[in-house]
Amino acid sequence: MSPLEPTPETLHTARQGLLWPSLAVGLGLMVVISVYPPLLTRPSGEADHTLAMLLMWAMSAGLVSGVGFVPRWWGWRWLFSGMATSLALALSLAYRFQTVI
């Protein structure tokens, strides 16, 4: 194997370019949370830490995967993947708009 060929350990980091949907979610959440922080509060005015955690996870995962960075450890790779962005965004929307029966 020549030094220019990718090794099996580096094949998962060979992705190049931007992942636009994830990057758009990350940038969009960054702007919305910065401009309108009351989004992260309950109707009573106190902070909603669960919603904040889910939205910050979606934002972080969107920015990391959106710029094309792929962590080496599988745990970080999953937490900051495009699928994790979608999952965190869906969970935050479900949590925000849940109805109490």
C-alpha atoms as a PDB file:
ATOM      1  CA  MET A   1       0.000   0.000   0.000  1.00  0.00           C
ATOM      2  CA  SER A   2       1.461   3.320  -1.018  1.00  0.00           C
ATOM      3  CA  PRO A   3       1.557   6.230   1.452  1.00  0.00           C
ATOM      4  CA  LEU A   4      -1.019   8.128  -0.620  1.00  0.00           C
ATOM      5  CA  GLU A   5      -3.697   5.425  -0.425  1.00  0.00           C
ATOM      6  CA  PRO A   6      -6.170   5.652   2.460  1.00  0.00           C
ATOM      7  CA  THR A   7      -5.825   3.060   5.176  1.00  0.00           C
ATOM      8  CA  PRO A   8      -8.868   1.241   6.590  1.00  0.00           C
ATOM      9  CA  GLU A   9      -8.621   3.431   9.699  1.00  0.00           C
ATOM     10  CA  THR A  10      -8.911   6.644   7.676  1.00  0.00           C
ATOM     11  CA  LEU A  11     -11.572   5.583   5.176  1.00  0.00           C
ATOM     12  CA  HIS A  12     -14.387   6.859   7.405  1.00  0.00           C
ATOM     13  CA  THR A  13     -12.816  10.334   7.400  1.00  0.00           C
ATOM     14  CA  ALA A  14     -12.508  10.481   3.611  1.00  0.00           C
ATOM     15  CA  ARG A  15     -15.780  12.379   3.123  1.00  0.00           C
ATOM     16  CA  GLN A  16     -15.203  15.785   1.621  1.00  0.00           C
ATOM     17  CA  GLY A  17     -17.397  18.796   1.198  1.00  0.00           C
ATOM     18  CA  LEU A  18     -20.296  20.310   3.049  1.00  0.00           C
ATOM     19  CA  LEU A  19     -23.434  18.488   4.110  1.00  0.00           C
ATOM     20  CA  TRP A  20     -25.851  21.316   3.384  1.00  0.00           C
ATOM     21  CA  PRO A  21     -29.021  20.079   5.168  1.00  0.00           C
ATOM     22  CA  SER A  22     -27.165  19.534   8.456  1.00  0.00           C
ATOM     23  CA  LEU A  23     -25.292  22.806   8.109  1.00  0.00           C
ATOM     24  CA  ALA A  24     -28.543  24.666   7.423  1.00  0.00           C
ATOM     25  CA  VAL A  25     -30.135  23.204  10.567  1.00  0.00           C
ATOM     26  CA  GLY A  26     -27.078  24.094  12.659  1.00  0.00           C
ATOM     27  CA  LEU A  27     -26.831  27.643  11.361  1.00  0.00           C
ATOM     28  CA  GLY A  28     -30.586  28.166  11.543  1.00  0.00           C
ATOM     29  CA  LEU A  29     -30.744  27.049  15.168  1.00  0.00           C
ATOM     30  CA  MET A  30     -27.725  29.188  16.010  1.00  0.00           C
ATOM     31  CA  VAL A  31     -29.452  32.288  14.638  1.00  0.00           C
ATOM     32  CA  VAL A  32     -32.897  31.531  16.101  1.00  0.00           C
ATOM     33  CA  ILE A  33     -31.577  30.763  19.599  1.00  0.00           C
ATOM     34  CA  SER A  34     -29.376  33.872  19.535  1.00  0.00           C
ATOM     35  CA  VAL A  35     -32.128  36.197  18.307  1.00  0.00           C
ATOM     36  CA  TYR A  36     -35.025  34.743  20.332  1.00  0.00           C
ATOM     37  CA  PRO A  37     -33.808  33.119  23.598  1.00  0.00           C
ATOM     38  CA  PRO A  38     -37.356  33.005  25.090  1.00  0.00           C
ATOM     39  CA  LEU A  39     -37.827  29.982  22.811  1.00  0.00           C
ATOM     40  CA  LEU A  40     -35.924  28.021  25.468  1.00  0.00           C
ATOM     41  CA  THR A  41     -38.219  28.967  28.349  1.00  0.00           C
ATOM     42  CA  ARG A  42     -41.417  27.531  29.744  1.00  0.00           C
ATOM     43  CA  PRO A  43     -44.635  29.582  29.780  1.00  0.00           C
ATOM     44  CA  SER A  44     -43.885  30.401  33.427  1.00  0.00           C
ATOM     45  CA  GLY A  45     -40.642  32.114  32.356  1.00  0.00           C
ATOM     46  CA  GLU A  46     -38.171  29.621  33.829  1.00  0.00           C
ATOM     47  CA  ALA A  47     -35.552  27.926  31.691  1.00  0.00           C
ATOM     48  CA  ASP A  48     -36.492  24.673  29.962  1.00  0.00           C
ATOM     49  CA  HIS A  49     -33.247  22.725  30.247  1.00  0.00           C
ATOM     50  CA  THR A  50     -34.502  19.645  28.395  1.00  0.00           C
ATOM     51  CA  LEU A  51     -35.518  21.674  25.347  1.00  0.00           C
ATOM     52  CA  ALA A  52     -32.267  23.652  25.500  1.00  0.00           C
ATOM     53  CA  MET A  53     -30.224  20.431  25.625  1.00  0.00           C
ATOM     54  CA  LEU A  54     -32.035  18.900  22.640  1.00  0.00           C
ATOM     55  CA  LEU A  55     -31.798  22.058  20.519  1.00  0.00           C
ATOM     56  CA  MET A  56     -28.126  22.599  21.400  1.00  0.00           C
ATOM     57  CA  TRP A  57     -27.404  18.967  20.480  1.00  0.00           C
ATOM     58  CA  ALA A  58     -29.174  19.442  17.139  1.00  0.00           C
ATOM     59  CA  MET A  59     -27.241  22.665  16.547  1.00  0.00           C
ATOM     60  CA  SER A  60     -23.868  21.148  17.480  1.00  0.00           C
ATOM     61  CA  ALA A  61     -24.422  17.989  15.457  1.00  0.00           C
ATOM     62  CA  GLY A  62     -25.598  20.040  12.490  1.00  0.00           C
ATOM     63  CA  LEU A  63     -22.551  22.286  12.545  1.00  0.00           C
ATOM     64  CA  VAL A  64     -20.047  19.455  13.061  1.00  0.00           C
ATOM     65  CA  SER A  65     -21.474  17.139  10.405  1.00  0.00           C
ATOM     66  CA  GLY A  66     -22.381  20.038   8.118  1.00  0.00           C
ATOM     67  CA  VAL A  67     -18.791  21.187   7.696  1.00  0.00           C
ATOM     68  CA  GLY A  68     -17.750  17.627   6.873  1.00  0.00           C
ATOM     69  CA  PHE A  69     -15.902  16.723  10.056  1.00  0.00           C
ATOM     70  CA  VAL A  70     -16.100  13.028  10.973  1.00  0.00           C
ATOM     71  CA  PRO A  71     -14.769  12.119  14.456  1.00  0.00           C
ATOM     72  CA  ARG A  72     -12.715   8.941  14.790  1.00  0.00           C
ATOM     73  CA  TRP A  73     -14.415   7.411  17.839  1.00  0.00           C
ATOM     74  CA  TRP A  74     -17.734   5.770  16.932  1.00  0.00           C
ATOM     75  CA  GLY A  75     -19.589   7.378  19.848  1.00  0.00           C
ATOM     76  CA  TRP A  76     -18.689  10.923  18.841  1.00  0.00           C
ATOM     77  CA  ARG A  77     -19.221  10.003  15.203  1.00  0.00           C
ATOM     78  CA  TRP A  78     -22.811   9.005  15.984  1.00  0.00           C
ATOM     79  CA  LEU A  79     -23.531  11.945  18.334  1.00  0.00           C
ATOM     80  CA  PHE A  80     -22.405  14.450  15.703  1.00  0.00           C
ATOM     81  CA  SER A  81     -23.823  12.744  12.592  1.00  0.00           C
ATOM     82  CA  GLY A  82     -26.510  13.928  10.219  1.00  0.00           C
ATOM     83  CA  MET A  83     -28.882  11.315  11.644  1.00  0.00           C
ATOM     84  CA  ALA A  84     -28.270  12.630  15.160  1.00  0.00           C
ATOM     85  CA  THR A  85     -29.093  16.123  13.911  1.00  0.00           C
ATOM     86  CA  SER A  86     -32.443  14.900  12.610  1.00  0.00           C
ATOM     87  CA  LEU A  87     -33.137  12.857  15.740  1.00  0.00           C
ATOM     88  CA  ALA A  88     -32.350  15.711  18.130  1.00  0.00           C
ATOM     89  CA  LEU A  89     -34.430  18.157  16.089  1.00  0.00           C
ATOM     90  CA  ALA A  90     -37.380  15.740  15.967  1.00  0.00           C
ATOM     91  CA  LEU A  91     -37.135  15.056  19.714  1.00  0.00           C
ATOM     92  CA  SER A  92     -36.995  18.766  20.503  1.00  0.00           C
ATOM     93  CA  LEU A  93     -40.048  19.466  18.347  1.00  0.00           C
ATOM     94  CA  ALA A  94     -41.943  16.562  19.909  1.00  0.00           C
ATOM     95  CA  TYR A  95     -40.992  17.754  23.398  1.00  0.00           C
ATOM     96  CA  ARG A  96     -41.910  21.380  22.667  1.00  0.00           C
ATOM     97  CA  PHE A  97     -45.306  20.605  21.177  1.00  0.00           C
ATOM     98  CA  GLN A  98     -46.348  17.683  23.359  1.00  0.00           C
ATOM     99  CA  THR A  99     -49.850  17.905  24.774  1.00  0.00           C
ATOM    100  CA  VAL A 100     -50.560  16.999  28.337  1.00  0.00           C
ATOM    101  CA  ILE A 101     -53.550  14.676  28.531  1.00  0.00           C
END
